[in-house]
Amino acid sequence: MLQSALKNPARVYVFMGVLAAIGIWCGFNLPISLYPQTSKPVVQMQVSYAGLSSQEFIRKYGATIEYQLENIKNTGLPMESVKGNYRATNATYTVTYDWGVPFGQALKEVQAVAASAKGQMPREAADSIQVWQWNENAGFLAISFYSHRHSLNDLYNILDPLLGPGLKNIPDAEEANLWNPEAQEVGVRLLPEKMALYGLLPGQIYRSIDRALPSLTGGEVRLGQKSANFQIPTPLTGGTALENHVLEIDGQRRVHLKDVAEVTVGRSEDKSRGFKTDGKESLILFANPKSGANVKRMAEDVIALVNAHKKDFPAGVEFRVLVDPSEFIRGSVENLLKDILLAAAPTVLARFLFIGNFRTVVTVALEIPLSMVIAFIVMKATGMNLNLISLGGLALAAGMNVDASVVVLENIFRHQTTWNRQNGRGQTAAERFQLILGAVSEVSAAIFVSTATSLVVFIPLALTTDLTNAILGDLAKAVIYSHGVSAFVAVFLVPCIRMSLMKYSTGSTGSAPLEKPLQKLEKAYIALVDRGLGKPRLKVLLCVVPLLVAGFLGAWVIPHPPKEIVGTPDTDWIYISARAPQSSTPRQMENILQEVESRALKLERERVSYTFVQMQGKTNGSVMLRLKDKKDMTSTVSRLQKLLTNTPEIFFFVDAWNPAELPLPTMNHLEVKLTGKDS
C-alpha cells in the first residue's frame, strides 16, 4: 500500500483533501453542547384527574400507567426508577433511566405510554396529558432585563412584542421565553352545579377557551426594504371579554362563561418568585436547547436577536447576559487553537534547529490539524458531539499527533544524509523512491505499535459506563480518533510530500543550526559514558542518585498538591444560598435576601461588578455576585463565609459557581442526622 502511494502521490493528496473536506463539513455539523449527552435522562408525564378523586384515578388508570412505564425496561432501555406523585387534581410520573440511554429514545418510549393512556381515558383527562424531559448537561441561556424608569409589567409590555416573535423562531431552542414575575394571572373557577344545569363538561369549556386564545396572522406588508407583520389579536383581551366568551352546547344552545364559572384577574398576593439585578426588579429571558441541538448556535441566535432590537429599547432599559453557554464553548475552541499552535510552532522550530530545512519541517505541522479534521468524521459517525470534554481530548492529542511524523521525517533525512555522503550527489527519481520506501518501511511498524501503545491507555476509558463515561468517555474517544488518524497521515501523506519536495532539492539536506553543538555534545556524552563504565564507584553513583531523587519526589512533592475527583474550572460568579425555615411570607424572605446582598456589597463592593438576586419561595433564595477579576475568587469566598455564619433562623451556603461545571450526582462523604424535641 505504501509503495502504491509513493508511486501515485497525487492520488494520496486528492484522497486526503477529500477526507479533509468531509471532516470540515462534519465538524460544522456536529451537535454542540456544554457536556456530553451521556447522563441519566429524566422524563416526566403529567395528567389531570378530570373530576375523579386521586384514589379513583389510581384504581382506574394510575396503576396501569405505572405498570406500562415499568415495562419500558423490557424494550432494552435500562431504567433506574418510576415514581408516581398523586396530588389533589393531577398526577406526575417521573421516569429516571440509567446512564447512557439516548435522550430522544427515552422521550419516545414515555410518549408511547402517554398515547396508549389517552386511548383509555375520558377526553378531558386525555387532553391534559403532557410529556417533557430535561438534560442538565445541555446548558442554558439566561438574560436579565431591568429599568429604573419602568415597572416590570410596563417593561414586559415593551419587550415582549419586540422579542417574543423572534424567540419562537429560534430553531435550536426547546423553549425561549421572557418571564415576568409580576405577570397577571387569570383564574377560571368552574361551578359544578351550573355546569350540570347546562350539561357541560370541564373538557368542553377548556377546548372552547383554548380555541379562542390564539391570535391570527394578518400577513406581511412590504414597502421598499421595510416590512411589517399584521396580526389579528385574540378577542379574549381581559377579564370582561373572557366572562362574555360564548360556549356552544350541541351546536345549538349558547351560554356565556360567566354563567358557569367565576373569572378572576390579578396578581397573586403570595408572590413566591422574583429576580433583582443590581438591586432592580428584573425580567428573565430563559432559553434551553432541544435534545441534541446546537446550544452554542441557540445562545448566539438569542443574543443576536436582543442586540438587533436594542436600538428599539426606550431609554433606561438595560440588560445583562447572566449565563451564556456559547461563551464557554468559544473559550474552549480558542484554547484548542492555542494548543494546536503551541504544539505545532515549537515542533517546527525544534525540527528546523535540528534539521535545518524549514520548508520540509512544515510538513510535520500539517499532521496536527489534518488529524483533527479527519477525526471529526469518526466523531460524526459514532454519534459524538462537540463539547468541553471532547474539545479537551482533541487539545490533549494535539501535542501527541506530531510524534509519528517526526519519526518518519527523521529517518528519511538519516537515509538521505547517508546517501549523499556515500555517493556525493543527489538521487534520481527511482533512487528517491527506493530511499523513502526503505526509510518509511523501517519505522512504519514501530509507529503503529507505539501509537497503539499510547491508545491502550485511553481505550478502557472510552469503554467505561455511567459516571466515569460521562466525565472521561468523550475525552478518551477524541484522543483515540485523532491520534489514531495521525499514524496513517504520518506513514502515507508525509512521505509523499517529502518525495515531492525532493524533486526540487539540490541533493543536500543543508546544515542545521545546532549540528556542530550537537556533535560536540554527542562526543562529550560518549566520553562520559566510557569513563563511567570504567569506574565502579561512579557507575554506582549514577544509579543511586536518580533513585534518591525519585524517592524524594515520591515522598515529599507528589503527595502534597491538592486533589479532587473532578477539577472545577475558573469562574467569576459567587453563589450565596440563604434558607430561612421560619420565614412565613415571600416579603419576609425578600427582606432577608436584601440584607444579605447589602452586607456582601458593603464588604466586597470594590471587587463586585454586579449582583443578581433570586427569590425561590418564601423560605429560600440566593444572591449571586459577579467579580471583576477571577483572581479574587478564593479570598472573597473566604471572607464572605466568615461574614455569613449560620444562625438558628438562617442557613447560608457560600461558594464559587460556574455554569460550565459538569453537573454530577451529589455524593455525601459524611452525613449526620440529628433528631430531638428542641433545637
Foldseek 3Di string as FASTA:
>chain_A
DQLVCQVPVVVVVVVLVVLLVVLVVLQVVFAEAAFWQWAKKKKKKKWWPQPDFLVVCCVQPVVVLQVQLVCVVVVVFAWDDWDWDGDGTMIMIMTITFTPDANVVNQVSNVVSLVVSLVRDPVQGNVRMDMDIDGLRRFKWKKKKFFPVDDLVVQCVQVCVQQVVLQVPLVFWPDKDWAGLFDKDKDKAFAVVLCVVLVHGPSQVVVLVVVQQDKAWPDKDDDVPDIDTDIGHRQCPDQVSQQQRWGDDPNPDIDGSVSGIDMDMGGDPQRQKFKDWQRGTIIMTMTTGDRSHHLLSSLVSSVVSCVVCVVVDDPRMDMDTPDHSNVVLVVLVVVLVVLLCVQQVVQLVVCCQVQVDSVLSNLLSVLLVSLLSSLSVVCSVVSIGDHSQLSVLSSVLSNVLSVLLVQLVVLLSVLLVVCCVVPVFADDLVRLSVSSVVSLVVCLVVLLVVLVVVLVVLVVQLPDTGPSCRRHNSSSSSNNSSNVVSSVCNSNNSSSVVSVVSVPDGSDSDDRNCPVVVVVVVVVVVVVVVVCVVDVVSVVVVVVVVVVVVVCCVPPPVVPDDDDPDDDDQFQKKKKKKFFPPQDGLVVVVVVQVVLVVVLCVVQVVFFPMKMKIRNGRGIIMIMTGGPDSVCFVVSQVVSPVVDPDDPGMDMDIHGDDSSGDDDDDDDPDDDDDDDDDD
